[in-house]
Amino acid sequence: MKIFKFSILGALLLFLLVHITCTLIYVLPQNFTPPGIYNKVKSYMGPVFDQGWSLFAPVPKVNKNVYVSYSDSNGNWSDWNDPFSFYQYQAYTNRVSACQRIVLAESSTLHYLYAESEITFYKTKMFPGNIHSGYFSVLKHIVVQELNNRKTAFEKIKMMVVFTNVKTKQKYCLYYHAFESQK
């Protein structure tokens, strides 16, 4: 009888050890394990234990980036840069930072800009954005605020919003011609 109990206990402990090891391999970045091992673990974990994005929110369709160039009083234009990259880095490294609000405002605005322009992206990959859109007004406001926070002297601003399809890596671009900053 004792041998039977120890056999059952040993089998349960072995299963638990294998399951925990598979879970660790599955959640680690794929470059830490050989592809053959990862694929076997994925076939074990996938059907029952995979939660995927849809547990929390819909799977993102596109990655979104804003690029800004601005002119100084002499009419010289700056290089294109992403004014929110610092905030995104801070928000992703510290999930309770105050930067989350800025990233959320930017991300939500870009989501709705994409939704507003999605049908046009099927026809052309790059076109001027609608400057009368309320979403553009919000984006313009947070860009101007960010440039003011950096104490950047500027006269005019050009913006480019790049959406990259997650699956196909196809890029779609909204661009906004130079507009007055209206400080």
C-alpha atoms as a PDB file:
ATOM      1  CA  MET A   1       0.000   0.000   0.000  1.00  0.00           C
ATOM      2  CA  LYS A   2       2.850   2.390   0.876  1.00  0.00           C
ATOM      3  CA  ILE A   3       4.488   1.743  -2.479  1.00  0.00           C
ATOM      4  CA  PHE A   4       1.233   2.625  -4.239  1.00  0.00           C
ATOM      5  CA  LYS A   5       0.901   5.914  -2.290  1.00  0.00           C
ATOM      6  CA  PHE A   6       4.514   6.843  -2.991  1.00  0.00           C
ATOM      7  CA  SER A   7       4.029   5.993  -6.677  1.00  0.00           C
ATOM      8  CA  ILE A   8       0.965   8.243  -6.906  1.00  0.00           C
ATOM      9  CA  LEU A   9       2.727  11.023  -4.977  1.00  0.00           C
ATOM     10  CA  GLY A  10       5.840  10.667  -7.168  1.00  0.00           C
ATOM     11  CA  ALA A  11       3.762  10.783 -10.360  1.00  0.00           C
ATOM     12  CA  LEU A  12       1.919  13.905  -9.156  1.00  0.00           C
ATOM     13  CA  LEU A  13       5.158  15.641  -8.205  1.00  0.00           C
ATOM     14  CA  LEU A  14       6.718  14.703 -11.546  1.00  0.00           C
ATOM     15  CA  PHE A  15       3.656  16.047 -13.413  1.00  0.00           C
ATOM     16  CA  LEU A  16       3.769  19.261 -11.361  1.00  0.00           C
ATOM     17  CA  LEU A  17       7.483  19.694 -12.073  1.00  0.00           C
ATOM     18  CA  VAL A  18       6.987  19.117 -15.819  1.00  0.00           C
ATOM     19  CA  HIS A  19       3.994  21.464 -15.896  1.00  0.00           C
ATOM     20  CA  ILE A  20       5.848  24.273 -14.089  1.00  0.00           C
ATOM     21  CA  THR A  21       8.865  23.827 -16.372  1.00  0.00           C
ATOM     22  CA  CYS A  22       6.620  23.966 -19.458  1.00  0.00           C
ATOM     23  CA  THR A  23       4.898  27.073 -18.116  1.00  0.00           C
ATOM     24  CA  LEU A  24       8.239  28.822 -17.596  1.00  0.00           C
ATOM     25  CA  ILE A  25       9.448  27.880 -21.078  1.00  0.00           C
ATOM     26  CA  TYR A  26       6.143  29.047 -22.582  1.00  0.00           C
ATOM     27  CA  VAL A  27       6.152  32.500 -20.952  1.00  0.00           C
ATOM     28  CA  LEU A  28       9.848  33.234 -21.493  1.00  0.00           C
ATOM     29  CA  PRO A  29      10.878  35.023 -24.700  1.00  0.00           C
ATOM     30  CA  GLN A  30      11.217  32.509 -27.528  1.00  0.00           C
ATOM     31  CA  ASN A  31      14.900  33.228 -28.098  1.00  0.00           C
ATOM     32  CA  PHE A  32      15.748  31.603 -24.732  1.00  0.00           C
ATOM     33  CA  THR A  33      14.769  28.104 -25.873  1.00  0.00           C
ATOM     34  CA  PRO A  34      15.480  26.059 -28.987  1.00  0.00           C
ATOM     35  CA  PRO A  35      12.586  26.139 -31.487  1.00  0.00           C
ATOM     36  CA  GLY A  36      11.977  22.393 -31.269  1.00  0.00           C
ATOM     37  CA  ILE A  37      11.504  22.465 -27.495  1.00  0.00           C
ATOM     38  CA  TYR A  38       9.370  25.606 -27.643  1.00  0.00           C
ATOM     39  CA  ASN A  39       7.078  24.074 -30.286  1.00  0.00           C
ATOM     40  CA  LYS A  40       6.553  20.941 -28.153  1.00  0.00           C
ATOM     41  CA  VAL A  41       5.810  23.054 -25.081  1.00  0.00           C
ATOM     42  CA  LYS A  42       3.466  25.248 -27.143  1.00  0.00           C
ATOM     43  CA  SER A  43       1.522  22.201 -28.294  1.00  0.00           C
ATOM     44  CA  TYR A  44       1.056  21.222 -24.629  1.00  0.00           C
ATOM     45  CA  MET A  45       0.241  24.702 -23.277  1.00  0.00           C
ATOM     46  CA  GLY A  46      -1.675  26.163 -26.211  1.00  0.00           C
ATOM     47  CA  PRO A  47      -5.002  24.337 -26.244  1.00  0.00           C
ATOM     48  CA  VAL A  48      -5.801  24.611 -22.540  1.00  0.00           C
ATOM     49  CA  PHE A  49      -3.567  27.180 -20.881  1.00  0.00           C
ATOM     50  CA  ASP A  50      -3.046  29.889 -23.516  1.00  0.00           C
ATOM     51  CA  GLN A  51      -4.870  33.081 -22.617  1.00  0.00           C
ATOM     52  CA  GLY A  52      -3.797  35.261 -25.519  1.00  0.00           C
ATOM     53  CA  TRP A  53      -4.602  38.924 -25.892  1.00  0.00           C
ATOM     54  CA  SER A  54      -8.325  38.396 -26.196  1.00  0.00           C
ATOM     55  CA  LEU A  55      -8.613  37.676 -22.491  1.00  0.00           C
ATOM     56  CA  PHE A  56      -7.833  41.327 -21.739  1.00  0.00           C
ATOM     57  CA  ALA A  57      -8.578  43.235 -24.940  1.00  0.00           C
ATOM     58  CA  PRO A  58      -8.842  42.685 -28.680  1.00  0.00           C
ATOM     59  CA  VAL A  59      -5.621  41.789 -30.438  1.00  0.00           C
ATOM     60  CA  PRO A  60      -4.028  45.019 -31.712  1.00  0.00           C
ATOM     61  CA  LYS A  61      -4.265  45.455 -35.491  1.00  0.00           C
ATOM     62  CA  VAL A  62      -1.629  48.152 -35.844  1.00  0.00           C
ATOM     63  CA  ASN A  63       1.310  49.723 -34.078  1.00  0.00           C
ATOM     64  CA  LYS A  64       1.064  53.500 -33.966  1.00  0.00           C
ATOM     65  CA  ASN A  65       3.779  56.152 -33.947  1.00  0.00           C
ATOM     66  CA  VAL A  66       3.710  59.933 -34.165  1.00  0.00           C
ATOM     67  CA  TYR A  67       6.595  61.831 -35.728  1.00  0.00           C
ATOM     68  CA  VAL A  68       6.947  65.582 -35.456  1.00  0.00           C
ATOM     69  CA  SER A  69       9.101  68.157 -37.197  1.00  0.00           C
ATOM     70  CA  TYR A  70       8.995  71.831 -36.311  1.00  0.00           C
ATOM     71  CA  SER A  71      10.432  75.012 -37.709  1.00  0.00           C
ATOM     72  CA  ASP A  72      12.238  77.687 -35.784  1.00  0.00           C
ATOM     73  CA  SER A  73      11.909  81.446 -36.309  1.00  0.00           C
ATOM     74  CA  ASN A  74      14.430  81.278 -39.205  1.00  0.00           C
ATOM     75  CA  GLY A  75      12.332  78.693 -41.077  1.00  0.00           C
ATOM     76  CA  ASN A  76      14.755  75.811 -40.438  1.00  0.00           C
ATOM     77  CA  TRP A  77      13.010  72.471 -39.922  1.00  0.00           C
ATOM     78  CA  SER A  78      14.093  69.945 -37.296  1.00  0.00           C
ATOM     79  CA  ASP A  79      14.573  66.244 -37.965  1.00  0.00           C
ATOM     80  CA  TRP A  80      11.554  63.998 -37.512  1.00  0.00           C
ATOM     81  CA  ASN A  81      11.312  62.686 -33.967  1.00  0.00           C
ATOM     82  CA  ASP A  82       8.831  60.850 -31.781  1.00  0.00           C
ATOM     83  CA  PRO A  83       7.881  63.245 -28.975  1.00  0.00           C
ATOM     84  CA  PHE A  84       6.268  60.474 -26.912  1.00  0.00           C
ATOM     85  CA  SER A  85       9.010  57.830 -26.960  1.00  0.00           C
ATOM     86  CA  PHE A  86      10.276  58.904 -23.533  1.00  0.00           C
ATOM     87  CA  TYR A  87       6.800  58.576 -22.017  1.00  0.00           C
ATOM     88  CA  GLN A  88       6.227  55.207 -23.660  1.00  0.00           C
ATOM     89  CA  TYR A  89       9.503  53.900 -22.285  1.00  0.00           C
ATOM     90  CA  GLN A  90       8.690  55.211 -18.801  1.00  0.00           C
ATOM     91  CA  ALA A  91       5.158  53.773 -18.906  1.00  0.00           C
ATOM     92  CA  TYR A  92       6.329  50.329 -20.027  1.00  0.00           C
ATOM     93  CA  THR A  93       9.137  50.104 -17.475  1.00  0.00           C
ATOM     94  CA  ASN A  94       7.012  51.405 -14.590  1.00  0.00           C
ATOM     95  CA  ARG A  95       3.325  50.582 -15.006  1.00  0.00           C
ATOM     96  CA  VAL A  96       2.242  52.912 -12.194  1.00  0.00           C
ATOM     97  CA  SER A  97       4.099  56.004 -13.397  1.00  0.00           C
ATOM     98  CA  ALA A  98       2.375  59.275 -14.180  1.00  0.00           C
ATOM     99  CA  CYS A  99       3.462  58.815 -17.798  1.00  0.00           C
ATOM    100  CA  GLN A 100       0.628  56.302 -18.241  1.00  0.00           C
ATOM    101  CA  ARG A 101      -1.888  59.131 -18.656  1.00  0.00           C
ATOM    102  CA  ILE A 102       0.077  60.708 -21.513  1.00  0.00           C
ATOM    103  CA  VAL A 103       0.579  57.354 -23.228  1.00  0.00           C
ATOM    104  CA  LEU A 104      -3.121  56.540 -22.821  1.00  0.00           C
ATOM    105  CA  ALA A 105      -4.147  59.902 -24.301  1.00  0.00           C
ATOM    106  CA  GLU A 106      -1.809  59.440 -27.257  1.00  0.00           C
ATOM    107  CA  SER A 107      -2.728  55.799 -27.822  1.00  0.00           C
ATOM    108  CA  SER A 108      -6.477  56.397 -27.626  1.00  0.00           C
ATOM    109  CA  THR A 109      -6.285  59.358 -29.978  1.00  0.00           C
ATOM    110  CA  LEU A 110      -4.228  57.387 -32.499  1.00  0.00           C
ATOM    111  CA  HIS A 111      -6.644  54.467 -32.249  1.00  0.00           C
ATOM    112  CA  TYR A 112      -9.557  56.698 -33.234  1.00  0.00           C
ATOM    113  CA  LEU A 113      -7.545  58.435 -35.957  1.00  0.00           C
ATOM    114  CA  TYR A 114      -6.851  55.010 -37.448  1.00  0.00           C
ATOM    115  CA  ALA A 115     -10.502  53.983 -37.180  1.00  0.00           C
ATOM    116  CA  GLU A 116     -11.531  57.242 -38.846  1.00  0.00           C
ATOM    117  CA  SER A 117      -9.119  56.650 -41.760  1.00  0.00           C
ATOM    118  CA  GLU A 118      -9.132  52.850 -42.041  1.00  0.00           C
ATOM    119  CA  ILE A 119     -11.259  52.649 -45.194  1.00  0.00           C
ATOM    120  CA  THR A 120      -9.096  55.212 -46.993  1.00  0.00           C
ATOM    121  CA  PHE A 121      -5.968  53.181 -46.146  1.00  0.00           C
ATOM    122  CA  TYR A 122      -7.274  50.383 -48.386  1.00  0.00           C
ATOM    123  CA  LYS A 123      -7.206  52.802 -51.328  1.00  0.00           C
ATOM    124  CA  THR A 124      -3.951  54.639 -50.621  1.00  0.00           C
ATOM    125  CA  LYS A 125      -1.159  54.086 -48.119  1.00  0.00           C
ATOM    126  CA  MET A 126      -0.346  57.749 -47.532  1.00  0.00           C
ATOM    127  CA  PHE A 127      -2.651  60.739 -47.535  1.00  0.00           C
ATOM    128  CA  PRO A 128      -3.194  64.041 -45.751  1.00  0.00           C
ATOM    129  CA  GLY A 129      -5.054  63.767 -42.492  1.00  0.00           C
ATOM    130  CA  ASN A 130      -8.248  65.642 -41.766  1.00  0.00           C
ATOM    131  CA  ILE A 131      -7.222  68.759 -39.826  1.00  0.00           C
ATOM    132  CA  HIS A 132     -10.871  69.381 -38.908  1.00  0.00           C
ATOM    133  CA  SER A 133     -11.113  66.067 -37.066  1.00  0.00           C
ATOM    134  CA  GLY A 134     -11.604  66.303 -33.320  1.00  0.00           C
ATOM    135  CA  TYR A 135      -9.040  63.521 -32.869  1.00  0.00           C
ATOM    136  CA  PHE A 136      -6.482  65.556 -34.779  1.00  0.00           C
ATOM    137  CA  SER A 137      -7.232  68.518 -32.494  1.00  0.00           C
ATOM    138  CA  VAL A 138      -6.503  66.368 -29.440  1.00  0.00           C
ATOM    139  CA  LEU A 139      -3.285  65.020 -30.964  1.00  0.00           C
ATOM    140  CA  LYS A 140      -2.205  68.513 -31.994  1.00  0.00           C
ATOM    141  CA  HIS A 141      -2.858  69.768 -28.473  1.00  0.00           C
ATOM    142  CA  ILE A 142      -0.766  67.073 -26.785  1.00  0.00           C
ATOM    143  CA  VAL A 143       2.072  67.534 -29.313  1.00  0.00           C
ATOM    144  CA  VAL A 144       2.110  71.313 -28.762  1.00  0.00           C
ATOM    145  CA  GLN A 145       2.000  70.768 -24.985  1.00  0.00           C
ATOM    146  CA  GLU A 146       4.937  68.355 -25.191  1.00  0.00           C
ATOM    147  CA  LEU A 147       7.024  70.771 -27.283  1.00  0.00           C
ATOM    148  CA  ASN A 148       6.179  73.569 -24.830  1.00  0.00           C
ATOM    149  CA  ASN A 149       7.160  71.313 -21.899  1.00  0.00           C
ATOM    150  CA  ARG A 150      10.534  70.788 -23.570  1.00  0.00           C
ATOM    151  CA  LYS A 151      10.865  74.555 -23.933  1.00  0.00           C
ATOM    152  CA  THR A 152      11.282  74.110 -27.688  1.00  0.00           C
ATOM    153  CA  ALA A 153      11.048  77.304 -29.721  1.00  0.00           C
ATOM    154  CA  PHE A 154       8.932  76.632 -32.787  1.00  0.00           C
ATOM    155  CA  GLU A 155       6.814  78.497 -35.300  1.00  0.00           C
ATOM    156  CA  LYS A 156       5.192  75.741 -37.335  1.00  0.00           C
ATOM    157  CA  ILE A 157       4.696  72.023 -36.860  1.00  0.00           C
ATOM    158  CA  LYS A 158       4.448  69.109 -39.306  1.00  0.00           C
ATOM    159  CA  MET A 159       3.106  65.804 -38.075  1.00  0.00           C
ATOM    160  CA  MET A 160       3.194  62.317 -39.515  1.00  0.00           C
ATOM    161  CA  VAL A 161       1.275  59.432 -37.972  1.00  0.00           C
ATOM    162  CA  VAL A 162       2.518  56.009 -39.056  1.00  0.00           C
ATOM    163  CA  PHE A 163       0.389  52.913 -38.540  1.00  0.00           C
ATOM    164  CA  THR A 164       2.122  49.561 -39.074  1.00  0.00           C
ATOM    165  CA  ASN A 165      -0.057  46.487 -39.582  1.00  0.00           C
ATOM    166  CA  VAL A 166       0.990  43.886 -37.020  1.00  0.00           C
ATOM    167  CA  LYS A 167       0.525  40.896 -39.338  1.00  0.00           C
ATOM    168  CA  THR A 168       1.670  42.192 -42.737  1.00  0.00           C
ATOM    169  CA  LYS A 169       4.099  44.931 -41.601  1.00  0.00           C
ATOM    170  CA  GLN A 170       2.410  47.214 -44.187  1.00  0.00           C
ATOM    171  CA  LYS A 171       2.796  50.888 -43.279  1.00  0.00           C
ATOM    172  CA  TYR A 172       0.000  53.447 -43.584  1.00  0.00           C
ATOM    173  CA  CYS A 173       0.671  57.117 -43.087  1.00  0.00           C
ATOM    174  CA  LEU A 174      -1.385  60.186 -42.277  1.00  0.00           C
ATOM    175  CA  TYR A 175       0.511  63.401 -42.712  1.00  0.00           C
ATOM    176  CA  TYR A 176      -0.387  66.886 -41.660  1.00  0.00           C
ATOM    177  CA  HIS A 177       1.159  69.796 -43.540  1.00  0.00           C
ATOM    178  CA  ALA A 178       2.782  72.593 -41.611  1.00  0.00           C
ATOM    179  CA  PHE A 179       0.341  74.333 -39.348  1.00  0.00           C
ATOM    180  CA  GLU A 180       0.718  77.226 -36.958  1.00  0.00           C
ATOM    181  CA  SER A 181       1.410  76.249 -33.398  1.00  0.00           C
ATOM    182  CA  GLN A 182      -1.116  78.685 -31.851  1.00  0.00           C
ATOM    183  CA  LYS A 183       0.758  78.839 -28.560  1.00  0.00           C
END
